[in-house]
Amino acid sequence: MFVHIFAFKWKDAATAAHVDAAVRAVVAFRGVVDGLSDVFIGSNVSDNAPEYTTTAAMMFASRQAYDAYVVHPAHVALLDWLVPLIDPIELDFEAVIQDA
């Protein structure tokens, strides 16, 4: 499993409608992007880095599935209008599963 985690600090030009549209767009990747097994997105409630108000985690079947998502037309369309409105942070990792 490959995990993609991100958080957005919204710039002053962003509106509540932008935030809502971004959240809806990320959720809409379900069933559209091959190899995307789950999406979690919501408001950051942590006291750590509270300026990053929108947070998400996406689970992919593999690194290759994530790489295909990066260039997927739905993702590219979202980034076209979203990138000017955010200061993002991203973390990606190959999940290591250990037996208990």
Protein backbone atom coordinates (compact mmCIF):
# COMPACT_ATOMS: atom_id res chain seq x y z
CA MET A 1 0.00 0.00 0.00
CA PHE A 2 1.18 3.52 -0.82
CA VAL A 3 -0.07 6.41 1.33
CA HIS A 4 -0.30 10.05 0.22
CA ILE A 5 -0.91 12.58 3.00
CA PHE A 6 -1.37 16.30 2.47
CA ALA A 7 -2.47 19.43 4.25
CA PHE A 8 -3.37 22.86 2.93
CA LYS A 9 -2.74 26.28 4.40
CA TRP A 10 -5.16 28.43 2.42
CA LYS A 11 -3.99 31.78 1.04
CA ASP A 12 -5.97 34.97 1.63
CA ALA A 13 -7.60 34.80 -1.82
CA ALA A 14 -9.26 31.46 -0.97
CA THR A 15 -12.92 31.46 0.00
CA ALA A 16 -15.10 28.95 1.81
CA ALA A 17 -16.44 27.98 -1.61
CA HIS A 18 -12.89 27.12 -2.74
CA VAL A 19 -12.37 24.92 0.32
CA ASP A 20 -15.69 23.15 -0.25
CA ALA A 21 -14.94 22.63 -3.94
CA ALA A 22 -11.50 21.18 -3.15
CA VAL A 23 -12.90 18.76 -0.58
CA ARG A 24 -15.62 17.62 -2.99
CA ALA A 25 -13.06 17.19 -5.79
CA VAL A 26 -10.76 15.04 -3.64
CA VAL A 27 -13.65 12.84 -2.51
CA ALA A 28 -14.76 12.52 -6.15
CA PHE A 29 -11.49 10.74 -7.00
CA ARG A 30 -13.06 7.63 -5.44
CA GLY A 31 -14.09 5.27 -8.20
CA VAL A 32 -12.39 7.46 -10.84
CA VAL A 33 -8.70 6.87 -10.16
CA ASP A 34 -7.58 3.27 -10.65
CA GLY A 35 -5.76 1.85 -7.64
CA LEU A 36 -7.11 4.45 -5.20
CA SER A 37 -8.55 2.36 -2.38
CA ASP A 38 -9.66 5.07 0.06
CA VAL A 39 -9.77 8.79 0.71
CA PHE A 40 -10.04 10.57 4.04
CA ILE A 41 -10.35 14.37 4.16
CA GLY A 42 -11.41 16.88 6.80
CA SER A 43 -10.49 19.82 8.96
CA ASN A 44 -7.28 19.73 10.96
CA VAL A 45 -8.09 19.67 14.67
CA SER A 46 -4.52 19.30 15.91
CA ASP A 47 -2.78 22.01 17.89
CA ASN A 48 0.32 21.22 15.83
CA ALA A 49 0.48 23.37 12.68
CA PRO A 50 -3.10 24.66 13.02
CA GLU A 51 -2.59 26.95 10.02
CA TYR A 52 -2.93 23.85 7.83
CA THR A 53 -6.68 23.66 8.04
CA THR A 54 -7.57 21.04 5.42
CA THR A 55 -5.95 17.63 5.77
CA ALA A 56 -6.25 14.36 3.87
CA ALA A 57 -4.90 10.87 3.42
CA MET A 58 -5.25 8.78 0.29
CA MET A 59 -4.49 5.07 0.11
CA PHE A 60 -3.26 3.55 -3.15
CA ALA A 61 -2.72 -0.09 -4.07
CA SER A 62 0.88 0.67 -5.09
CA ARG A 63 3.40 3.38 -5.88
CA GLN A 64 2.57 2.86 -9.54
CA ALA A 65 -1.11 3.61 -8.85
CA TYR A 66 -0.08 6.82 -7.07
CA ASP A 67 2.19 7.80 -9.96
CA ALA A 68 -0.75 7.35 -12.36
CA TYR A 69 -2.93 9.52 -10.07
CA VAL A 70 -0.38 12.36 -10.20
CA VAL A 71 -0.95 12.73 -13.96
CA HIS A 72 -4.63 11.70 -13.99
CA PRO A 73 -6.75 14.33 -15.80
CA ALA A 74 -9.07 14.78 -12.79
CA HIS A 75 -6.10 15.48 -10.51
CA VAL A 76 -4.45 17.82 -13.02
CA ALA A 77 -7.75 19.74 -13.42
CA LEU A 78 -7.99 20.20 -9.65
CA LEU A 79 -4.40 21.41 -9.38
CA ASP A 80 -4.95 23.97 -12.17
CA TRP A 81 -7.18 26.14 -9.97
CA LEU A 82 -6.13 24.92 -6.52
CA VAL A 83 -2.35 25.45 -6.50
CA PRO A 84 -2.53 29.28 -6.57
CA LEU A 85 -4.78 29.19 -3.47
CA ILE A 86 -2.75 26.95 -1.16
CA ASP A 87 0.52 26.48 0.62
CA PRO A 88 0.61 22.67 0.79
CA ILE A 89 2.64 20.11 2.63
CA GLU A 90 2.78 16.53 1.40
CA LEU A 91 4.07 13.28 2.84
CA ASP A 92 4.18 10.02 0.91
CA PHE A 93 5.26 6.58 2.03
CA GLU A 94 5.16 2.90 1.23
CA ALA A 95 3.25 1.35 4.12
CA VAL A 96 5.15 -1.31 6.04
CA ILE A 97 2.94 -3.91 7.58
CA GLN A 98 4.40 -5.96 10.39
CA ASP A 99 2.78 -8.95 11.99
CA ALA A 100 1.93 -8.52 15.66
